[in-house]
Amino acid sequence: MTTSHQLLLTLLPGLYAVARYGPHEKPAIDYSQSSFCSFTKTAKELSVVCEQSALPDGVHAESNRRVLRVESVLAFTLTGVIAALAEPLAAAAISLFAISTYDTDYLLIADADLERAITILENAGHKVQRSPLE
């Protein structure tokens, strides 16, 4: 099964950052109030995506990112979801950072590219809604 239908995305409020820590560091980040946070550990690094305001000063991070959430629980057999979102953005030279969870997918887009990215995604047949908190 592949996706060729319209995807509904929600823009989460706030600015986010993608931070890099050493693989054995234990970052002091309070994510309890955050609507989105992700930790990914490998043998070489620990990547943390969280609200920018939760990061301590001096952390190596890419900041000023916005989060778009796919508003569906996606079956593991579904293919092409990220491609359906990434391809039109790549054609417009808009970088993204994708994260998948058990239920759905998230895209991080630079805040400076956000409005153009939303227009491109909508022109590709997707719908983007802003969070009520936005």
N, C-alpha and C. Protein backbone atom coordinates (compact mmCIF):
# COMPACT_ATOMS: atom_id res chain seq x y z
N MET A 1 0.85 -1.17 0.00
CA MET A 1 0.00 0.00 0.00
C MET A 1 0.90 1.24 0.00
N THR A 2 0.58 2.19 -0.82
CA THR A 2 1.32 3.45 -0.85
C THR A 2 0.36 4.60 -0.60
N THR A 3 0.93 5.72 -0.22
CA THR A 3 0.08 6.89 -0.03
C THR A 3 0.14 7.78 -1.25
N SER A 4 -1.00 8.12 -1.77
CA SER A 4 -1.06 9.10 -2.84
C SER A 4 -2.19 10.07 -2.54
N HIS A 5 -2.76 9.92 -1.34
CA HIS A 5 -3.88 10.79 -0.96
C HIS A 5 -3.39 12.00 -0.17
N GLN A 6 -4.31 12.88 0.05
CA GLN A 6 -4.01 14.10 0.79
C GLN A 6 -3.68 13.74 2.24
N LEU A 7 -2.63 14.38 2.75
CA LEU A 7 -2.27 14.24 4.15
C LEU A 7 -2.66 15.52 4.88
N LEU A 8 -3.17 15.36 6.08
CA LEU A 8 -3.48 16.50 6.93
C LEU A 8 -2.34 16.66 7.92
N LEU A 9 -1.76 17.86 7.96
CA LEU A 9 -0.68 18.16 8.89
C LEU A 9 -1.11 19.28 9.82
N THR A 10 -0.59 19.24 11.04
CA THR A 10 -0.84 20.31 12.00
C THR A 10 0.50 20.95 12.35
N LEU A 11 0.52 22.27 12.29
CA LEU A 11 1.69 23.03 12.71
C LEU A 11 1.62 23.20 14.22
N LEU A 12 2.61 22.66 14.91
CA LEU A 12 2.66 22.79 16.37
C LEU A 12 3.15 24.19 16.74
N PRO A 13 2.69 24.72 17.87
CA PRO A 13 3.15 26.05 18.28
C PRO A 13 4.60 26.00 18.78
N GLY A 14 5.26 27.12 18.71
CA GLY A 14 6.59 27.25 19.30
C GLY A 14 7.73 26.95 18.36
N LEU A 15 8.92 27.30 18.83
CA LEU A 15 10.16 27.03 18.11
C LEU A 15 10.86 25.83 18.73
N TYR A 16 11.46 25.02 17.88
CA TYR A 16 12.14 23.80 18.31
C TYR A 16 13.59 23.84 17.87
N ALA A 17 14.38 22.97 18.47
CA ALA A 17 15.80 22.85 18.13
C ALA A 17 16.17 21.38 18.04
N VAL A 18 17.19 21.10 17.24
CA VAL A 18 17.77 19.76 17.14
C VAL A 18 19.16 19.88 17.74
N ALA A 19 19.36 19.23 18.88
CA ALA A 19 20.62 19.35 19.62
C ALA A 19 21.42 18.06 19.53
N ARG A 20 22.75 18.22 19.60
CA ARG A 20 23.65 17.07 19.56
C ARG A 20 24.45 17.01 20.84
N TYR A 21 24.41 15.83 21.46
CA TYR A 21 25.20 15.55 22.65
C TYR A 21 26.09 14.35 22.36
N GLY A 22 27.09 14.16 23.19
CA GLY A 22 27.90 12.95 23.12
C GLY A 22 27.04 11.75 23.50
N PRO A 23 27.44 10.54 23.08
CA PRO A 23 26.59 9.37 23.29
C PRO A 23 26.36 9.01 24.76
N HIS A 24 27.20 9.48 25.66
CA HIS A 24 27.05 9.13 27.07
C HIS A 24 26.63 10.31 27.93
N GLU A 25 26.39 11.46 27.30
CA GLU A 25 25.92 12.63 28.06
C GLU A 25 24.45 12.42 28.47
N LYS A 26 24.10 13.04 29.57
CA LYS A 26 22.73 13.00 30.05
C LYS A 26 22.20 14.44 30.10
N PRO A 27 21.55 14.87 29.04
CA PRO A 27 21.11 16.27 28.97
C PRO A 27 20.07 16.59 30.03
N ALA A 28 20.20 17.76 30.61
CA ALA A 28 19.24 18.25 31.61
C ALA A 28 18.18 19.07 30.88
N ILE A 29 17.19 18.38 30.34
CA ILE A 29 16.14 19.04 29.57
C ILE A 29 14.80 18.69 30.21
N ASP A 30 14.04 19.72 30.55
CA ASP A 30 12.70 19.52 31.09
C ASP A 30 11.71 19.52 29.92
N TYR A 31 11.31 18.35 29.53
CA TYR A 31 10.40 18.23 28.39
C TYR A 31 8.97 17.90 28.83
N SER A 32 8.71 17.94 30.13
CA SER A 32 7.41 17.50 30.64
C SER A 32 6.24 18.33 30.12
N GLN A 33 6.46 19.60 29.82
CA GLN A 33 5.38 20.45 29.33
C GLN A 33 5.37 20.60 27.81
N SER A 34 6.32 19.96 27.14
CA SER A 34 6.46 20.11 25.70
C SER A 34 5.45 19.25 24.95
N SER A 35 4.94 19.78 23.84
CA SER A 35 4.01 19.00 23.02
C SER A 35 4.74 18.01 22.11
N PHE A 36 6.06 18.18 21.98
CA PHE A 36 6.84 17.26 21.15
C PHE A 36 8.28 17.26 21.63
N CYS A 37 8.84 16.09 21.81
CA CYS A 37 10.24 15.93 22.19
C CYS A 37 10.69 14.55 21.73
N SER A 38 11.91 14.45 21.22
CA SER A 38 12.43 13.18 20.74
C SER A 38 13.89 13.02 21.13
N PHE A 39 14.23 11.84 21.63
CA PHE A 39 15.61 11.48 21.95
C PHE A 39 15.99 10.30 21.07
N THR A 40 17.12 10.39 20.39
CA THR A 40 17.62 9.28 19.58
C THR A 40 19.09 9.07 19.92
N LYS A 41 19.43 7.87 20.41
CA LYS A 41 20.80 7.58 20.80
C LYS A 41 21.40 6.54 19.86
N THR A 42 22.63 6.81 19.44
CA THR A 42 23.42 5.84 18.68
C THR A 42 24.74 5.68 19.41
N ALA A 43 25.62 4.85 18.89
CA ALA A 43 26.94 4.69 19.49
C ALA A 43 27.77 5.96 19.40
N LYS A 44 27.43 6.86 18.48
CA LYS A 44 28.23 8.06 18.25
C LYS A 44 27.62 9.36 18.75
N GLU A 45 26.32 9.38 19.04
CA GLU A 45 25.70 10.64 19.44
C GLU A 45 24.36 10.40 20.13
N LEU A 46 23.91 11.45 20.78
CA LEU A 46 22.55 11.52 21.31
C LEU A 46 21.94 12.77 20.70
N SER A 47 20.91 12.60 19.89
CA SER A 47 20.21 13.74 19.29
C SER A 47 18.94 13.99 20.08
N VAL A 48 18.69 15.25 20.36
CA VAL A 48 17.49 15.64 21.10
C VAL A 48 16.76 16.71 20.29
N VAL A 49 15.48 16.49 20.07
CA VAL A 49 14.63 17.50 19.46
C VAL A 49 13.65 17.91 20.55
N CYS A 50 13.64 19.21 20.84
CA CYS A 50 12.76 19.70 21.89
C CYS A 50 12.47 21.18 21.65
N GLU A 51 11.57 21.71 22.46
CA GLU A 51 11.31 23.13 22.38
C GLU A 51 12.61 23.87 22.64
N GLN A 52 12.87 24.84 21.83
CA GLN A 52 14.12 25.59 21.90
C GLN A 52 14.36 26.16 23.30
N SER A 53 13.31 26.61 23.95
CA SER A 53 13.44 27.22 25.28
C SER A 53 13.86 26.22 26.35
N ALA A 54 13.74 24.91 26.08
CA ALA A 54 14.12 23.89 27.06
C ALA A 54 15.60 23.57 27.04
N LEU A 55 16.31 24.03 26.00
CA LEU A 55 17.74 23.71 25.89
C LEU A 55 18.57 24.64 26.77
N PRO A 56 19.54 24.06 27.50
CA PRO A 56 20.46 24.92 28.25
C PRO A 56 21.35 25.71 27.30
N ASP A 57 21.89 26.82 27.78
CA ASP A 57 22.82 27.63 26.99
C ASP A 57 24.06 26.82 26.63
N GLY A 58 24.62 27.10 25.46
CA GLY A 58 25.88 26.49 25.06
C GLY A 58 25.78 25.12 24.42
N VAL A 59 24.59 24.60 24.23
CA VAL A 59 24.42 23.29 23.61
C VAL A 59 24.55 23.44 22.10
N HIS A 60 25.28 22.51 21.46
CA HIS A 60 25.41 22.52 20.01
C HIS A 60 24.06 22.13 19.41
N ALA A 61 23.41 23.07 18.69
CA ALA A 61 22.07 22.80 18.18
C ALA A 61 21.77 23.63 16.94
N GLU A 62 20.88 23.10 16.14
CA GLU A 62 20.25 23.82 15.04
C GLU A 62 18.92 24.30 15.58
N SER A 63 18.71 25.59 15.60
CA SER A 63 17.52 26.12 16.25
C SER A 63 16.57 26.75 15.24
N ASN A 64 15.52 27.35 15.77
CA ASN A 64 14.49 28.03 14.97
C ASN A 64 13.83 27.10 13.97
N ARG A 65 13.40 25.95 14.45
CA ARG A 65 12.68 24.97 13.64
C ARG A 65 11.22 24.96 14.06
N ARG A 66 10.35 24.67 13.10
CA ARG A 66 8.93 24.50 13.35
C ARG A 66 8.57 23.05 13.08
N VAL A 67 7.54 22.56 13.76
CA VAL A 67 7.15 21.15 13.66
C VAL A 67 5.79 21.02 12.99
N LEU A 68 5.74 20.17 11.97
CA LEU A 68 4.49 19.76 11.32
C LEU A 68 4.24 18.30 11.65
N ARG A 69 3.07 17.99 12.19
CA ARG A 69 2.69 16.62 12.56
C ARG A 69 1.67 16.07 11.57
N VAL A 70 1.90 14.87 11.07
CA VAL A 70 0.91 14.19 10.22
C VAL A 70 -0.22 13.73 11.13
N GLU A 71 -1.44 14.14 10.80
CA GLU A 71 -2.61 13.87 11.65
C GLU A 71 -3.28 12.56 11.27
N SER A 72 -2.58 11.48 11.40
CA SER A 72 -3.14 10.14 11.18
C SER A 72 -2.29 9.15 11.94
N VAL A 73 -2.92 8.09 12.40
CA VAL A 73 -2.15 6.95 12.89
C VAL A 73 -1.83 6.16 11.64
N LEU A 74 -0.53 6.02 11.37
CA LEU A 74 -0.08 5.41 10.12
C LEU A 74 0.25 3.94 10.32
N ALA A 75 -0.35 3.10 9.51
CA ALA A 75 -0.06 1.66 9.57
C ALA A 75 1.38 1.42 9.12
N PHE A 76 2.01 0.42 9.70
CA PHE A 76 3.38 0.11 9.34
C PHE A 76 3.50 -0.37 7.89
N THR A 77 2.41 -0.81 7.29
CA THR A 77 2.43 -1.26 5.90
C THR A 77 2.31 -0.11 4.91
N LEU A 78 1.96 1.08 5.40
CA LEU A 78 1.81 2.25 4.53
C LEU A 78 3.19 2.74 4.11
N THR A 79 3.36 2.98 2.83
CA THR A 79 4.65 3.46 2.32
C THR A 79 4.46 4.80 1.62
N GLY A 80 5.54 5.55 1.55
CA GLY A 80 5.54 6.77 0.77
C GLY A 80 5.08 8.02 1.49
N VAL A 81 4.81 7.95 2.79
CA VAL A 81 4.32 9.13 3.50
C VAL A 81 5.39 10.22 3.52
N ILE A 82 6.57 9.88 3.99
CA ILE A 82 7.66 10.86 4.04
C ILE A 82 8.00 11.34 2.63
N ALA A 83 8.03 10.43 1.67
CA ALA A 83 8.34 10.81 0.29
C ALA A 83 7.30 11.80 -0.25
N ALA A 84 6.03 11.59 0.07
CA ALA A 84 4.97 12.48 -0.42
C ALA A 84 5.15 13.90 0.11
N LEU A 85 5.77 14.02 1.28
CA LEU A 85 6.02 15.34 1.87
C LEU A 85 7.39 15.88 1.48
N ALA A 86 8.37 15.00 1.45
CA ALA A 86 9.75 15.43 1.20
C ALA A 86 9.98 15.83 -0.26
N GLU A 87 9.39 15.11 -1.20
CA GLU A 87 9.66 15.37 -2.62
C GLU A 87 9.31 16.80 -3.05
N PRO A 88 8.11 17.31 -2.74
CA PRO A 88 7.84 18.69 -3.17
C PRO A 88 8.72 19.71 -2.44
N LEU A 89 9.06 19.43 -1.19
CA LEU A 89 9.95 20.34 -0.46
C LEU A 89 11.36 20.30 -1.03
N ALA A 90 11.85 19.12 -1.36
CA ALA A 90 13.19 19.00 -1.94
C ALA A 90 13.25 19.72 -3.29
N ALA A 91 12.19 19.60 -4.08
CA ALA A 91 12.17 20.27 -5.38
C ALA A 91 12.24 21.78 -5.23
N ALA A 92 11.79 22.29 -4.09
CA ALA A 92 11.84 23.73 -3.81
C ALA A 92 13.06 24.11 -2.97
N ALA A 93 13.98 23.16 -2.78
CA ALA A 93 15.21 23.37 -2.01
C ALA A 93 14.93 23.76 -0.56
N ILE A 94 13.89 23.14 0.02
CA ILE A 94 13.59 23.35 1.44
C ILE A 94 14.02 22.11 2.21
N SER A 95 14.92 22.30 3.14
CA SER A 95 15.45 21.22 3.95
C SER A 95 14.43 20.82 5.02
N LEU A 96 14.42 19.54 5.35
CA LEU A 96 13.57 19.06 6.43
C LEU A 96 14.33 18.06 7.28
N PHE A 97 13.86 17.89 8.49
CA PHE A 97 14.37 16.89 9.42
C PHE A 97 13.15 16.08 9.80
N ALA A 98 13.12 14.80 9.44
CA ALA A 98 11.95 13.96 9.66
C ALA A 98 12.16 13.04 10.86
N ILE A 99 11.10 12.87 11.62
CA ILE A 99 11.09 11.94 12.75
C ILE A 99 9.82 11.12 12.66
N SER A 100 9.97 9.82 12.81
CA SER A 100 8.81 8.94 12.85
C SER A 100 8.65 8.38 14.25
N THR A 101 7.41 8.31 14.71
CA THR A 101 7.10 7.66 15.96
C THR A 101 6.29 6.41 15.65
N TYR A 102 5.88 5.70 16.66
CA TYR A 102 5.08 4.50 16.44
C TYR A 102 3.81 4.83 15.66
N ASP A 103 3.19 5.96 15.98
CA ASP A 103 1.90 6.31 15.38
C ASP A 103 1.98 7.14 14.11
N THR A 104 2.91 8.08 14.02
CA THR A 104 2.86 9.03 12.91
C THR A 104 4.23 9.62 12.60
N ASP A 105 4.24 10.62 11.73
CA ASP A 105 5.48 11.27 11.29
C ASP A 105 5.44 12.76 11.61
N TYR A 106 6.64 13.31 11.78
CA TYR A 106 6.81 14.73 12.07
C TYR A 106 7.88 15.29 11.15
N LEU A 107 7.70 16.53 10.73
CA LEU A 107 8.70 17.23 9.92
C LEU A 107 9.12 18.48 10.66
N LEU A 108 10.42 18.70 10.74
CA LEU A 108 10.94 19.96 11.25
C LEU A 108 11.44 20.76 10.07
N ILE A 109 10.97 22.00 9.99
CA ILE A 109 11.29 22.92 8.90
C ILE A 109 11.85 24.19 9.53
N ALA A 110 12.84 24.79 8.90
CA ALA A 110 13.36 26.07 9.39
C ALA A 110 12.23 27.10 9.41
N ASP A 111 12.16 27.87 10.48
CA ASP A 111 11.11 28.88 10.62
C ASP A 111 11.12 29.84 9.42
N ALA A 112 12.30 30.17 8.94
CA ALA A 112 12.42 31.09 7.79
C ALA A 112 11.79 30.51 6.53
N ASP A 113 11.68 29.20 6.43
CA ASP A 113 11.11 28.53 5.24
C ASP A 113 9.65 28.11 5.44
N LEU A 114 9.11 28.33 6.62
CA LEU A 114 7.82 27.75 6.97
C LEU A 114 6.68 28.14 6.03
N GLU A 115 6.46 29.41 5.82
CA GLU A 115 5.31 29.82 5.00
C GLU A 115 5.42 29.30 3.57
N ARG A 116 6.62 29.33 3.02
CA ARG A 116 6.84 28.79 1.67
C ARG A 116 6.60 27.28 1.66
N ALA A 117 7.06 26.59 2.72
CA ALA A 117 6.87 25.13 2.81
C ALA A 117 5.39 24.79 2.88
N ILE A 118 4.63 25.54 3.67
CA ILE A 118 3.19 25.28 3.76
C ILE A 118 2.53 25.46 2.39
N THR A 119 2.87 26.52 1.69
CA THR A 119 2.32 26.75 0.35
C THR A 119 2.66 25.60 -0.58
N ILE A 120 3.89 25.14 -0.54
CA ILE A 120 4.33 24.04 -1.41
C ILE A 120 3.59 22.76 -1.06
N LEU A 121 3.45 22.46 0.22
CA LEU A 121 2.73 21.25 0.62
C LEU A 121 1.26 21.33 0.22
N GLU A 122 0.65 22.48 0.38
CA GLU A 122 -0.75 22.63 -0.02
C GLU A 122 -0.90 22.52 -1.54
N ASN A 123 0.05 23.07 -2.29
CA ASN A 123 0.01 22.95 -3.75
C ASN A 123 0.21 21.50 -4.20
N ALA A 124 0.86 20.70 -3.35
CA ALA A 124 1.05 19.27 -3.65
C ALA A 124 -0.16 18.44 -3.23
N GLY A 125 -1.21 19.10 -2.71
CA GLY A 125 -2.45 18.40 -2.38
C GLY A 125 -2.64 18.10 -0.92
N HIS A 126 -1.75 18.52 -0.06
CA HIS A 126 -1.88 18.27 1.37
C HIS A 126 -2.56 19.46 2.03
N LYS A 127 -3.04 19.26 3.24
CA LYS A 127 -3.69 20.33 3.98
C LYS A 127 -2.89 20.58 5.25
N VAL A 128 -2.62 21.85 5.54
CA VAL A 128 -1.88 22.21 6.75
C VAL A 128 -2.78 23.09 7.59
N GLN A 129 -2.96 22.66 8.84
CA GLN A 129 -3.75 23.47 9.77
C GLN A 129 -2.84 23.93 10.90
N ARG A 130 -3.14 25.09 11.41
CA ARG A 130 -2.35 25.63 12.52
C ARG A 130 -2.98 25.17 13.83
N SER A 131 -2.14 24.86 14.81
CA SER A 131 -2.61 24.47 16.12
C SER A 131 -3.41 25.62 16.71
N PRO A 132 -4.44 25.32 17.51
CA PRO A 132 -5.20 26.40 18.15
C PRO A 132 -4.31 27.30 19.02
N LEU A 133 -3.18 26.78 19.47
CA LEU A 133 -2.27 27.55 20.31
C LEU A 133 -1.33 28.41 19.49
N GLU A 134 -1.33 28.23 18.18
CA GLU A 134 -0.40 28.94 17.28
C GLU A 134 -0.74 30.40 17.19
